[in-house]
Amino acid sequence: MIQLYGSPGSTCTRKVLTALHETNTPFQFNLVDLAKREHKEPAHLARQPFGQIPTIDDDGFMLFESRAICRYLSAKANDQLIPVTLHDRALMDQWSSVEQTNVSPHAMKFIYHYVFKRPQEQAVLDLAEAALDKAFAALSTPLGKQTFLVGDRLSIADIGHMPYLEYLEQTPIKEKLGQYPHVASWWGRLRERESWRKVTGRA
């Protein structure tokens, strides 16, 4: 059985938890207490040399970095979360890169400030808001034509955005999301998936 080491509130841990639930992969959750700085202790550093979460142990095979873990879990489950065609796989990678570069770093500025109570300067928030505007506009293009970022099937690209959208609902960006109806509708579908309801304790 896969051993997952992480924290339930961590955005990256939540990506992996979602992939585990979506693929019906048996796992055991092992809490890494960030408040106690367990992620910086030798036991965890042996699993994750950068002192971050999450990481998995699959019968001795150790893997860290959430996006790599999600791909691995999908591969073990007959690629349930990976599109079939060459072009669709490329589009999944494209939108995953958008999440990593154009969404998550800017979303985290608001999440730090409003959710985790780690104050950010107003100029930082202003730049982050402008960046999210561009990202939501870009996401609106495929979502105006289809259910998910790549066709009508959930993929790793969608999962990657979910933790940030969840937390952004607790920030002023929630109002901005309403200005992009295709993105808002997509998030409405994602947040009601059984996997995400389990991850967020609403199942």
C-alpha atoms as a PDB file:
ATOM      1  CA  MET A   1       0.000   0.000   0.000  1.00  0.00           C
ATOM      2  CA  ILE A   2       1.208   3.493  -0.841  1.00  0.00           C
ATOM      3  CA  GLN A   3       2.348   5.562   2.118  1.00  0.00           C
ATOM      4  CA  LEU A   4       1.632   9.265   1.660  1.00  0.00           C
ATOM      5  CA  TYR A   5       3.494  11.769   3.809  1.00  0.00           C
ATOM      6  CA  GLY A   6       1.974  15.222   3.908  1.00  0.00           C
ATOM      7  CA  SER A   7      -0.394  17.647   5.567  1.00  0.00           C
ATOM      8  CA  PRO A   8      -4.140  17.750   4.810  1.00  0.00           C
ATOM      9  CA  GLY A   9      -4.208  21.536   4.342  1.00  0.00           C
ATOM     10  CA  SER A  10      -1.219  21.626   2.002  1.00  0.00           C
ATOM     11  CA  THR A  11      -2.078  22.536  -1.594  1.00  0.00           C
ATOM     12  CA  CYS A  12       0.367  20.035  -3.037  1.00  0.00           C
ATOM     13  CA  THR A  13      -0.698  17.261  -0.672  1.00  0.00           C
ATOM     14  CA  ARG A  14      -4.284  17.904  -1.770  1.00  0.00           C
ATOM     15  CA  LYS A  15      -3.339  17.374  -5.412  1.00  0.00           C
ATOM     16  CA  VAL A  16      -1.955  13.941  -4.573  1.00  0.00           C
ATOM     17  CA  LEU A  17      -4.920  13.055  -2.354  1.00  0.00           C
ATOM     18  CA  THR A  18      -7.257  13.934  -5.221  1.00  0.00           C
ATOM     19  CA  ALA A  19      -5.320  11.746  -7.639  1.00  0.00           C
ATOM     20  CA  LEU A  20      -5.393   8.882  -5.132  1.00  0.00           C
ATOM     21  CA  HIS A  21      -9.161   9.137  -4.725  1.00  0.00           C
ATOM     22  CA  GLU A  22      -9.817   9.604  -8.450  1.00  0.00           C
ATOM     23  CA  THR A  23      -7.855   6.440  -9.251  1.00  0.00           C
ATOM     24  CA  ASN A  24      -9.237   4.496  -6.260  1.00  0.00           C
ATOM     25  CA  THR A  25      -5.686   3.779  -5.140  1.00  0.00           C
ATOM     26  CA  PRO A  26      -5.377   2.341  -1.605  1.00  0.00           C
ATOM     27  CA  PHE A  27      -3.095   4.436   0.585  1.00  0.00           C
ATOM     28  CA  GLN A  28      -2.190   5.271   4.147  1.00  0.00           C
ATOM     29  CA  PHE A  29      -1.884   8.899   5.161  1.00  0.00           C
ATOM     30  CA  ASN A  30       1.040   9.857   7.399  1.00  0.00           C
ATOM     31  CA  LEU A  31       0.827  13.340   8.890  1.00  0.00           C
ATOM     32  CA  VAL A  32       3.889  15.572   8.635  1.00  0.00           C
ATOM     33  CA  ASP A  33       3.191  18.263  11.237  1.00  0.00           C
ATOM     34  CA  LEU A  34       4.369  21.534   9.724  1.00  0.00           C
ATOM     35  CA  ALA A  35       3.710  23.458  12.935  1.00  0.00           C
ATOM     36  CA  LYS A  36       6.212  21.189  14.692  1.00  0.00           C
ATOM     37  CA  ARG A  37       8.577  21.542  11.713  1.00  0.00           C
ATOM     38  CA  GLU A  38       8.599  17.802  11.183  1.00  0.00           C
ATOM     39  CA  HIS A  39       9.229  18.479   7.486  1.00  0.00           C
ATOM     40  CA  LYS A  40      12.705  19.730   8.441  1.00  0.00           C
ATOM     41  CA  GLU A  41      13.609  16.777  10.635  1.00  0.00           C
ATOM     42  CA  PRO A  42      16.068  14.091   9.458  1.00  0.00           C
ATOM     43  CA  ALA A  43      13.383  11.423   9.061  1.00  0.00           C
ATOM     44  CA  HIS A  44      11.495  13.504   6.539  1.00  0.00           C
ATOM     45  CA  LEU A  45      14.578  14.950   4.868  1.00  0.00           C
ATOM     46  CA  ALA A  46      15.548  11.371   4.068  1.00  0.00           C
ATOM     47  CA  ARG A  47      12.311  11.162   2.073  1.00  0.00           C
ATOM     48  CA  GLN A  48      12.332  14.706   0.683  1.00  0.00           C
ATOM     49  CA  PRO A  49      15.751  16.433   0.612  1.00  0.00           C
ATOM     50  CA  PHE A  50      14.212  19.907   0.267  1.00  0.00           C
ATOM     51  CA  GLY A  51      12.096  19.551   3.385  1.00  0.00           C
ATOM     52  CA  GLN A  52       8.801  19.916   1.524  1.00  0.00           C
ATOM     53  CA  ILE A  53       5.616  17.907   1.211  1.00  0.00           C
ATOM     54  CA  PRO A  54       4.212  15.618  -0.031  1.00  0.00           C
ATOM     55  CA  THR A  55       6.165  12.478  -0.754  1.00  0.00           C
ATOM     56  CA  ILE A  56       5.145   8.858  -1.240  1.00  0.00           C
ATOM     57  CA  ASP A  57       6.667   5.476  -0.508  1.00  0.00           C
ATOM     58  CA  ASP A  58       5.325   2.771  -2.807  1.00  0.00           C
ATOM     59  CA  ASP A  59       6.818  -0.443  -1.431  1.00  0.00           C
ATOM     60  CA  GLY A  60      10.257   1.137  -1.206  1.00  0.00           C
ATOM     61  CA  PHE A  61       9.982   3.362  -4.255  1.00  0.00           C
ATOM     62  CA  MET A  62      10.268   6.925  -2.995  1.00  0.00           C
ATOM     63  CA  LEU A  63       8.917   9.849  -4.985  1.00  0.00           C
ATOM     64  CA  PHE A  64       8.410  13.536  -4.253  1.00  0.00           C
ATOM     65  CA  GLU A  65       6.995  16.562  -6.134  1.00  0.00           C
ATOM     66  CA  SER A  66       3.205  16.507  -6.414  1.00  0.00           C
ATOM     67  CA  ARG A  67       2.947  16.717 -10.206  1.00  0.00           C
ATOM     68  CA  ALA A  68       5.340  13.793 -10.646  1.00  0.00           C
ATOM     69  CA  ILE A  69       3.426  11.803  -8.025  1.00  0.00           C
ATOM     70  CA  CYS A  70       0.100  12.450  -9.764  1.00  0.00           C
ATOM     71  CA  ARG A  71       1.529  11.240 -13.073  1.00  0.00           C
ATOM     72  CA  TYR A  72       2.895   8.133 -11.360  1.00  0.00           C
ATOM     73  CA  LEU A  73      -0.438   7.359  -9.708  1.00  0.00           C
ATOM     74  CA  SER A  74      -2.236   7.765 -13.019  1.00  0.00           C
ATOM     75  CA  ALA A  75       0.243   5.458 -14.752  1.00  0.00           C
ATOM     76  CA  LYS A  76      -0.305   2.796 -12.091  1.00  0.00           C
ATOM     77  CA  ALA A  77      -4.055   3.078 -12.711  1.00  0.00           C
ATOM     78  CA  ASN A  78      -4.014   2.592 -16.492  1.00  0.00           C
ATOM     79  CA  ASP A  79      -3.506   6.297 -17.151  1.00  0.00           C
ATOM     80  CA  GLN A  80      -6.938   7.290 -15.852  1.00  0.00           C
ATOM     81  CA  LEU A  81      -5.854  10.917 -15.481  1.00  0.00           C
ATOM     82  CA  ILE A  82      -3.847  11.221 -18.710  1.00  0.00           C
ATOM     83  CA  PRO A  83      -5.503  11.967 -22.087  1.00  0.00           C
ATOM     84  CA  VAL A  84      -5.256   9.339 -24.787  1.00  0.00           C
ATOM     85  CA  THR A  85      -4.077  11.198 -27.890  1.00  0.00           C
ATOM     86  CA  LEU A  86      -0.738  12.864 -28.500  1.00  0.00           C
ATOM     87  CA  HIS A  87      -2.311  16.291 -28.938  1.00  0.00           C
ATOM     88  CA  ASP A  88      -4.448  16.004 -25.818  1.00  0.00           C
ATOM     89  CA  ARG A  89      -1.479  14.882 -23.717  1.00  0.00           C
ATOM     90  CA  ALA A  90       0.430  17.905 -24.993  1.00  0.00           C
ATOM     91  CA  LEU A  91      -2.479  20.167 -24.064  1.00  0.00           C
ATOM     92  CA  MET A  92      -2.584  18.647 -20.590  1.00  0.00           C
ATOM     93  CA  ASP A  93       1.101  19.432 -20.173  1.00  0.00           C
ATOM     94  CA  GLN A  94       0.489  22.944 -21.458  1.00  0.00           C
ATOM     95  CA  TRP A  95      -2.250  23.689 -18.923  1.00  0.00           C
ATOM     96  CA  SER A  96      -0.284  22.018 -16.143  1.00  0.00           C
ATOM     97  CA  SER A  97       2.577  24.380 -16.949  1.00  0.00           C
ATOM     98  CA  VAL A  98       0.156  27.311 -16.881  1.00  0.00           C
ATOM     99  CA  GLU A  99      -0.931  26.245 -13.388  1.00  0.00           C
ATOM    100  CA  GLN A 100       2.659  25.946 -12.204  1.00  0.00           C
ATOM    101  CA  THR A 101       3.862  29.218 -13.711  1.00  0.00           C
ATOM    102  CA  ASN A 102       0.885  31.525 -14.158  1.00  0.00           C
ATOM    103  CA  VAL A 103      -1.600  30.462 -11.482  1.00  0.00           C
ATOM    104  CA  SER A 104      -0.151  28.882  -8.351  1.00  0.00           C
ATOM    105  CA  PRO A 105       2.620  31.417  -7.533  1.00  0.00           C
ATOM    106  CA  HIS A 106       0.185  34.321  -7.827  1.00  0.00           C
ATOM    107  CA  ALA A 107      -2.685  32.558  -6.096  1.00  0.00           C
ATOM    108  CA  MET A 108      -0.389  31.769  -3.190  1.00  0.00           C
ATOM    109  CA  LYS A 109       0.199  35.482  -2.559  1.00  0.00           C
ATOM    110  CA  PHE A 110      -3.501  35.852  -1.734  1.00  0.00           C
ATOM    111  CA  ILE A 111      -3.606  32.548   0.122  1.00  0.00           C
ATOM    112  CA  TYR A 112      -0.625  33.540   2.269  1.00  0.00           C
ATOM    113  CA  HIS A 113      -2.175  36.916   3.041  1.00  0.00           C
ATOM    114  CA  TYR A 114      -5.824  36.003   3.641  1.00  0.00           C
ATOM    115  CA  VAL A 115      -5.793  32.327   4.620  1.00  0.00           C
ATOM    116  CA  PHE A 116      -2.451  31.574   6.248  1.00  0.00           C
ATOM    117  CA  LYS A 117      -2.142  35.091   7.723  1.00  0.00           C
ATOM    118  CA  ARG A 118       1.311  35.736   6.303  1.00  0.00           C
ATOM    119  CA  PRO A 119       1.005  39.410   5.268  1.00  0.00           C
ATOM    120  CA  GLN A 120       1.982  40.429   1.746  1.00  0.00           C
ATOM    121  CA  GLU A 121       2.631  43.980   0.582  1.00  0.00           C
ATOM    122  CA  GLN A 122      -0.196  45.578  -1.381  1.00  0.00           C
ATOM    123  CA  ALA A 123       2.043  45.993  -4.415  1.00  0.00           C
ATOM    124  CA  VAL A 124       2.662  42.232  -4.390  1.00  0.00           C
ATOM    125  CA  LEU A 125      -1.068  41.532  -4.217  1.00  0.00           C
ATOM    126  CA  ASP A 126      -1.752  43.989  -7.036  1.00  0.00           C
ATOM    127  CA  LEU A 127       0.730  42.271  -9.330  1.00  0.00           C
ATOM    128  CA  ALA A 128      -0.651  38.861  -8.377  1.00  0.00           C
ATOM    129  CA  GLU A 129      -4.203  39.977  -9.132  1.00  0.00           C
ATOM    130  CA  ALA A 130      -3.202  41.233 -12.586  1.00  0.00           C
ATOM    131  CA  ALA A 131      -1.476  37.930 -13.295  1.00  0.00           C
ATOM    132  CA  LEU A 132      -4.523  35.930 -12.205  1.00  0.00           C
ATOM    133  CA  ASP A 133      -6.671  38.076 -14.478  1.00  0.00           C
ATOM    134  CA  LYS A 134      -4.551  36.981 -17.438  1.00  0.00           C
ATOM    135  CA  ALA A 135      -4.625  33.360 -16.301  1.00  0.00           C
ATOM    136  CA  PHE A 136      -8.402  33.267 -15.890  1.00  0.00           C
ATOM    137  CA  ALA A 137      -8.819  34.857 -19.316  1.00  0.00           C
ATOM    138  CA  ALA A 138      -6.597  32.184 -20.853  1.00  0.00           C
ATOM    139  CA  LEU A 139      -8.386  29.357 -19.038  1.00  0.00           C
ATOM    140  CA  SER A 140     -11.705  30.686 -20.299  1.00  0.00           C
ATOM    141  CA  THR A 141     -10.838  29.792 -23.891  1.00  0.00           C
ATOM    142  CA  PRO A 142     -10.875  25.983 -23.600  1.00  0.00           C
ATOM    143  CA  LEU A 143     -13.468  25.992 -20.817  1.00  0.00           C
ATOM    144  CA  GLY A 144     -15.885  27.915 -23.006  1.00  0.00           C
ATOM    145  CA  LYS A 145     -15.986  24.918 -25.336  1.00  0.00           C
ATOM    146  CA  GLN A 146     -15.590  21.851 -23.130  1.00  0.00           C
ATOM    147  CA  THR A 147     -16.128  20.419 -19.645  1.00  0.00           C
ATOM    148  CA  PHE A 148     -12.492  20.254 -18.551  1.00  0.00           C
ATOM    149  CA  LEU A 149      -9.228  21.803 -19.680  1.00  0.00           C
ATOM    150  CA  VAL A 150      -8.666  18.916 -22.065  1.00  0.00           C
ATOM    151  CA  GLY A 151     -11.944  17.721 -23.537  1.00  0.00           C
ATOM    152  CA  ASP A 152     -14.624  16.079 -21.427  1.00  0.00           C
ATOM    153  CA  ARG A 153     -12.363  14.048 -19.174  1.00  0.00           C
ATOM    154  CA  LEU A 154     -10.729  15.116 -15.921  1.00  0.00           C
ATOM    155  CA  SER A 155      -6.939  15.204 -16.147  1.00  0.00           C
ATOM    156  CA  ILE A 156      -3.944  16.109 -14.029  1.00  0.00           C
ATOM    157  CA  ALA A 157      -4.173  19.618 -15.467  1.00  0.00           C
ATOM    158  CA  ASP A 158      -7.537  20.148 -13.765  1.00  0.00           C
ATOM    159  CA  ILE A 159      -6.411  18.581 -10.497  1.00  0.00           C
ATOM    160  CA  GLY A 160      -3.429  20.911 -10.332  1.00  0.00           C
ATOM    161  CA  HIS A 161      -5.676  23.987 -10.161  1.00  0.00           C
ATOM    162  CA  MET A 162      -8.129  22.684  -7.569  1.00  0.00           C
ATOM    163  CA  PRO A 163      -6.333  23.470  -4.290  1.00  0.00           C
ATOM    164  CA  TYR A 164      -5.682  27.075  -5.307  1.00  0.00           C
ATOM    165  CA  LEU A 165      -9.251  27.701  -6.443  1.00  0.00           C
ATOM    166  CA  GLU A 166     -10.536  26.277  -3.151  1.00  0.00           C
ATOM    167  CA  TYR A 167      -8.428  28.652  -1.064  1.00  0.00           C
ATOM    168  CA  LEU A 168      -8.998  31.622  -3.366  1.00  0.00           C
ATOM    169  CA  GLU A 169     -12.668  31.421  -2.444  1.00  0.00           C
ATOM    170  CA  GLN A 170     -11.588  32.737   0.964  1.00  0.00           C
ATOM    171  CA  THR A 171      -9.980  35.815  -0.579  1.00  0.00           C
ATOM    172  CA  PRO A 172     -11.171  38.842  -2.613  1.00  0.00           C
ATOM    173  CA  ILE A 173     -10.254  36.896  -5.761  1.00  0.00           C
ATOM    174  CA  LYS A 174     -13.565  35.057  -5.319  1.00  0.00           C
ATOM    175  CA  GLU A 175     -15.312  38.117  -6.761  1.00  0.00           C
ATOM    176  CA  LYS A 176     -12.901  38.265  -9.697  1.00  0.00           C
ATOM    177  CA  LEU A 177     -13.553  34.606 -10.455  1.00  0.00           C
ATOM    178  CA  GLY A 178     -17.176  35.546 -10.973  1.00  0.00           C
ATOM    179  CA  GLN A 179     -16.096  37.753 -13.881  1.00  0.00           C
ATOM    180  CA  TYR A 180     -15.028  34.616 -15.758  1.00  0.00           C
ATOM    181  CA  PRO A 181     -18.183  32.465 -15.940  1.00  0.00           C
ATOM    182  CA  HIS A 182     -16.548  29.570 -17.800  1.00  0.00           C
ATOM    183  CA  VAL A 183     -13.834  29.295 -15.156  1.00  0.00           C
ATOM    184  CA  ALA A 184     -16.373  29.660 -12.357  1.00  0.00           C
ATOM    185  CA  SER A 185     -18.573  26.913 -13.835  1.00  0.00           C
ATOM    186  CA  TRP A 186     -15.553  24.623 -14.234  1.00  0.00           C
ATOM    187  CA  TRP A 187     -14.608  25.172 -10.618  1.00  0.00           C
ATOM    188  CA  GLY A 188     -18.206  24.516  -9.595  1.00  0.00           C
ATOM    189  CA  ARG A 189     -17.996  21.110 -11.258  1.00  0.00           C
ATOM    190  CA  LEU A 190     -14.595  20.297  -9.819  1.00  0.00           C
ATOM    191  CA  ARG A 191     -15.417  21.205  -6.236  1.00  0.00           C
ATOM    192  CA  GLU A 192     -18.394  18.836  -6.190  1.00  0.00           C
ATOM    193  CA  ARG A 193     -16.469  15.784  -7.357  1.00  0.00           C
ATOM    194  CA  GLU A 194     -16.515  13.022  -4.760  1.00  0.00           C
ATOM    195  CA  SER A 195     -12.716  12.967  -4.669  1.00  0.00           C
ATOM    196  CA  TRP A 196     -12.494  16.655  -3.794  1.00  0.00           C
ATOM    197  CA  ARG A 197     -15.293  16.405  -1.249  1.00  0.00           C
ATOM    198  CA  LYS A 198     -13.218  13.725   0.490  1.00  0.00           C
ATOM    199  CA  VAL A 199     -10.051  15.812   0.335  1.00  0.00           C
ATOM    200  CA  THR A 200     -11.773  18.831   1.873  1.00  0.00           C
ATOM    201  CA  GLY A 201     -13.710  16.883   4.475  1.00  0.00           C
ATOM    202  CA  ARG A 202     -17.122  17.418   2.868  1.00  0.00           C
ATOM    203  CA  ALA A 203     -17.815  13.825   1.790  1.00  0.00           C
END
